[in-house]
């Protein structure tokens, strides 16, 4: 079973298990793989799919580290003076 088939099978399993978090992540992964395939005008092989996965992981780690370093400011309606 190739990586594309494994992703499709995992999406089906997540749907059946009603696991919204996993389903969302898998759909995002499938979309990224499909976009890269459209960019290259062909289906990706397993090595290229793994490269897409690695790039998505790198992006999420960067975002998580950036959010951990930045103080989060919550602006409420009271803070901006609106009722």
N, C-alpha and C. Protein backbone atom coordinates (compact mmCIF):
# COMPACT_ATOMS: atom_id res chain seq x y z
N UNK A 1 0.85 -1.17 0.00
CA UNK A 1 0.00 0.00 0.00
C UNK A 1 0.90 1.24 0.00
N UNK A 2 0.66 2.12 -0.97
CA UNK A 2 1.43 3.35 -1.06
C UNK A 2 0.97 4.38 -0.05
N UNK A 3 1.70 5.44 0.05
CA UNK A 3 1.38 6.49 1.02
C UNK A 3 0.03 7.14 0.72
N UNK A 4 -0.26 7.38 -0.55
CA UNK A 4 -1.55 7.99 -0.90
C UNK A 4 -2.71 7.09 -0.48
N UNK A 5 -2.58 5.80 -0.70
CA UNK A 5 -3.63 4.86 -0.30
C UNK A 5 -3.75 4.80 1.22
N UNK A 6 -2.62 4.87 1.92
CA UNK A 6 -2.62 4.84 3.38
C UNK A 6 -3.32 6.08 3.94
N UNK A 7 -3.07 7.24 3.33
CA UNK A 7 -3.73 8.48 3.77
C UNK A 7 -5.24 8.35 3.57
N UNK A 8 -5.65 7.84 2.40
CA UNK A 8 -7.07 7.67 2.11
C UNK A 8 -7.72 6.70 3.10
N UNK A 9 -7.04 5.60 3.42
CA UNK A 9 -7.57 4.63 4.37
C UNK A 9 -7.67 5.23 5.77
N UNK A 10 -6.67 6.04 6.15
CA UNK A 10 -6.71 6.68 7.46
C UNK A 10 -7.82 7.72 7.55
N UNK A 11 -8.11 8.41 6.44
CA UNK A 11 -9.22 9.36 6.41
C UNK A 11 -10.53 8.62 6.64
N UNK A 12 -10.69 7.50 5.96
CA UNK A 12 -11.91 6.69 6.14
C UNK A 12 -12.04 6.21 7.58
N UNK A 13 -10.95 5.75 8.17
CA UNK A 13 -10.98 5.28 9.55
C UNK A 13 -11.31 6.41 10.51
N UNK A 14 -10.77 7.60 10.26
CA UNK A 14 -11.05 8.75 11.13
C UNK A 14 -12.52 9.17 11.01
N UNK A 15 -13.07 9.07 9.81
CA UNK A 15 -14.49 9.38 9.63
C UNK A 15 -15.36 8.40 10.41
N UNK A 16 -15.04 7.13 10.31
CA UNK A 16 -15.82 6.11 11.01
C UNK A 16 -15.70 6.26 12.52
N UNK A 17 -14.51 6.66 13.00
CA UNK A 17 -14.29 6.82 14.44
C UNK A 17 -14.78 8.18 14.94
N UNK A 18 -15.21 9.05 14.01
CA UNK A 18 -15.65 10.40 14.33
C UNK A 18 -14.59 11.17 15.10
N UNK A 19 -13.36 11.02 14.65
CA UNK A 19 -12.20 11.70 15.24
C UNK A 19 -11.93 12.97 14.42
N UNK A 20 -12.53 14.08 14.84
CA UNK A 20 -12.48 15.31 14.06
C UNK A 20 -11.06 15.87 13.93
N UNK A 21 -10.27 15.80 14.98
CA UNK A 21 -8.92 16.33 14.93
C UNK A 21 -8.05 15.59 13.95
N UNK A 22 -8.09 14.28 14.02
CA UNK A 22 -7.30 13.45 13.09
C UNK A 22 -7.80 13.63 11.66
N UNK A 23 -9.11 13.67 11.47
CA UNK A 23 -9.69 13.83 10.15
C UNK A 23 -9.25 15.16 9.52
N UNK A 24 -9.26 16.21 10.31
CA UNK A 24 -8.85 17.52 9.82
C UNK A 24 -7.38 17.51 9.39
N UNK A 25 -6.53 16.92 10.20
CA UNK A 25 -5.10 16.86 9.88
C UNK A 25 -4.86 16.02 8.62
N UNK A 26 -5.55 14.91 8.51
CA UNK A 26 -5.37 14.05 7.33
C UNK A 26 -5.88 14.72 6.06
N UNK A 27 -6.98 15.44 6.16
CA UNK A 27 -7.49 16.15 4.99
C UNK A 27 -6.52 17.24 4.55
N UNK A 28 -5.93 17.93 5.53
CA UNK A 28 -4.94 18.95 5.22
C UNK A 28 -3.73 18.32 4.52
N UNK A 29 -3.30 17.16 5.02
CA UNK A 29 -2.19 16.44 4.40
C UNK A 29 -2.54 16.01 2.99
N UNK A 30 -3.72 15.47 2.80
CA UNK A 30 -4.13 15.03 1.46
C UNK A 30 -4.18 16.20 0.50
N UNK A 31 -4.67 17.34 0.95
CA UNK A 31 -4.73 18.53 0.10
C UNK A 31 -3.32 18.99 -0.28
N UNK A 32 -2.40 18.97 0.67
CA UNK A 32 -1.02 19.38 0.38
C UNK A 32 -0.37 18.43 -0.62
N UNK A 33 -0.62 17.14 -0.47
CA UNK A 33 -0.06 16.15 -1.40
C UNK A 33 -0.66 16.35 -2.79
N UNK A 34 -1.96 16.57 -2.85
CA UNK A 34 -2.61 16.77 -4.14
C UNK A 34 -2.10 18.06 -4.81
N UNK A 35 -1.92 19.13 -4.02
CA UNK A 35 -1.42 20.38 -4.58
C UNK A 35 -0.02 20.20 -5.16
N UNK A 36 0.83 19.48 -4.45
CA UNK A 36 2.18 19.23 -4.95
C UNK A 36 2.13 18.38 -6.22
N UNK A 37 1.22 17.41 -6.27
CA UNK A 37 1.05 16.59 -7.46
C UNK A 37 0.59 17.40 -8.66
N UNK A 38 -0.32 18.35 -8.43
CA UNK A 38 -0.78 19.22 -9.50
C UNK A 38 0.37 20.10 -9.98
N UNK A 39 1.17 20.58 -9.02
CA UNK A 39 2.33 21.40 -9.36
C UNK A 39 3.31 20.65 -10.26
N UNK A 40 3.49 19.35 -9.99
CA UNK A 40 4.43 18.54 -10.77
C UNK A 40 3.76 17.84 -11.95
N UNK A 41 2.46 17.98 -12.10
CA UNK A 41 1.68 17.38 -13.19
C UNK A 41 1.75 15.86 -13.22
N UNK A 42 1.83 15.25 -12.04
CA UNK A 42 1.83 13.78 -11.96
C UNK A 42 1.56 13.38 -10.51
N UNK A 43 1.28 12.09 -10.33
CA UNK A 43 1.11 11.57 -8.98
C UNK A 43 2.48 11.50 -8.31
N UNK A 44 2.50 11.76 -7.00
CA UNK A 44 3.76 11.72 -6.26
C UNK A 44 4.08 10.30 -5.84
N UNK A 45 5.36 9.98 -5.81
CA UNK A 45 5.75 8.69 -5.26
C UNK A 45 5.89 8.83 -3.74
N UNK A 46 6.16 7.72 -3.07
CA UNK A 46 6.18 7.72 -1.61
C UNK A 46 7.24 8.65 -1.03
N UNK A 47 8.39 8.75 -1.67
CA UNK A 47 9.45 9.63 -1.18
C UNK A 47 9.01 11.09 -1.24
N UNK A 48 8.32 11.45 -2.31
CA UNK A 48 7.84 12.84 -2.44
C UNK A 48 6.72 13.13 -1.45
N UNK A 49 5.87 12.15 -1.18
CA UNK A 49 4.82 12.32 -0.17
C UNK A 49 5.46 12.54 1.20
N UNK A 50 6.51 11.80 1.49
CA UNK A 50 7.20 11.98 2.77
C UNK A 50 7.84 13.36 2.85
N UNK A 51 8.31 13.90 1.75
CA UNK A 51 8.85 15.26 1.74
C UNK A 51 7.76 16.28 2.07
N UNK A 52 6.57 16.06 1.53
CA UNK A 52 5.44 16.95 1.83
C UNK A 52 5.10 16.86 3.32
N UNK A 53 5.07 15.64 3.85
CA UNK A 53 4.79 15.45 5.28
C UNK A 53 5.84 16.17 6.13
N UNK A 54 7.10 16.03 5.76
CA UNK A 54 8.18 16.67 6.51
C UNK A 54 8.05 18.19 6.47
N UNK A 55 7.67 18.74 5.32
CA UNK A 55 7.52 20.19 5.24
C UNK A 55 6.36 20.68 6.09
N UNK A 56 5.27 19.92 6.12
CA UNK A 56 4.13 20.30 6.96
C UNK A 56 4.49 20.23 8.44
N UNK A 57 5.23 19.21 8.83
CA UNK A 57 5.67 19.08 10.23
C UNK A 57 6.56 20.26 10.59
N UNK A 58 7.46 20.61 9.70
CA UNK A 58 8.37 21.73 9.95
C UNK A 58 7.58 23.03 10.12
N UNK A 59 6.58 23.23 9.28
CA UNK A 59 5.76 24.44 9.39
C UNK A 59 5.02 24.48 10.72
N UNK A 60 4.46 23.36 11.13
CA UNK A 60 3.69 23.33 12.39
C UNK A 60 4.60 23.52 13.59
N UNK A 61 5.79 22.95 13.55
CA UNK A 61 6.74 23.14 14.66
C UNK A 61 7.16 24.59 14.76
N UNK A 62 7.40 25.24 13.62
CA UNK A 62 7.78 26.65 13.62
C UNK A 62 6.66 27.50 14.19
N UNK A 63 5.43 27.22 13.78
CA UNK A 63 4.29 27.97 14.28
C UNK A 63 4.12 27.76 15.77
N UNK A 64 4.24 26.54 16.22
CA UNK A 64 4.09 26.25 17.65
C UNK A 64 5.17 26.94 18.46
N UNK A 65 6.40 26.95 17.97
CA UNK A 65 7.47 27.61 18.71
C UNK A 65 7.27 29.12 18.70
N UNK A 66 6.78 29.67 17.59
CA UNK A 66 6.53 31.11 17.52
C UNK A 66 5.42 31.51 18.48
N UNK A 67 4.39 30.69 18.58
CA UNK A 67 3.29 31.00 19.50
C UNK A 67 3.73 30.85 20.95
N UNK A 68 4.63 29.93 21.21
CA UNK A 68 5.11 29.73 22.58
C UNK A 68 5.97 30.90 23.03
N UNK A 69 6.67 31.55 22.11
CA UNK A 69 7.54 32.66 22.46
C UNK A 69 6.81 33.99 22.54
N UNK A 70 5.77 34.15 21.76
CA UNK A 70 5.02 35.40 21.72
C UNK A 70 3.96 35.43 22.82
N UNK A 71 3.89 36.53 23.58
CA UNK A 71 2.79 36.63 24.53
C UNK A 71 1.49 36.86 23.77
N UNK A 72 0.46 36.19 24.17
CA UNK A 72 -0.83 36.29 23.51
C UNK A 72 -1.62 37.40 24.18
N UNK A 73 -2.09 38.35 23.40
CA UNK A 73 -2.89 39.45 23.91
C UNK A 73 -4.32 39.23 23.47
N UNK A 74 -5.20 39.20 24.44
CA UNK A 74 -6.61 39.03 24.16
C UNK A 74 -7.27 40.40 24.28
N UNK A 75 -7.89 40.82 23.19
CA UNK A 75 -8.57 42.10 23.20
C UNK A 75 -10.06 41.85 23.40
N UNK A 76 -10.57 42.40 24.47
CA UNK A 76 -11.99 42.24 24.76
C UNK A 76 -12.72 43.52 24.37
N UNK A 77 -14.02 43.46 24.31
CA UNK A 77 -14.81 44.64 23.96
C UNK A 77 -14.63 45.73 25.02
N UNK A 78 -14.40 45.36 26.28
CA UNK A 78 -14.18 46.34 27.34
C UNK A 78 -12.85 47.08 27.13
N UNK A 79 -11.85 46.38 26.61
CA UNK A 79 -10.54 46.98 26.40
C UNK A 79 -10.55 48.02 25.29
N UNK A 80 -11.43 47.86 24.30
CA UNK A 80 -11.47 48.82 23.20
C UNK A 80 -12.57 49.84 23.38
N UNK A 81 -13.34 49.72 24.45
CA UNK A 81 -14.33 50.72 24.79
C UNK A 81 -15.67 50.57 24.11
N UNK A 82 -15.99 49.41 23.60
CA UNK A 82 -17.30 49.20 22.99
C UNK A 82 -18.17 48.45 23.98
N UNK A 83 -19.46 48.77 23.96
CA UNK A 83 -20.37 48.09 24.90
C UNK A 83 -20.64 46.66 24.55
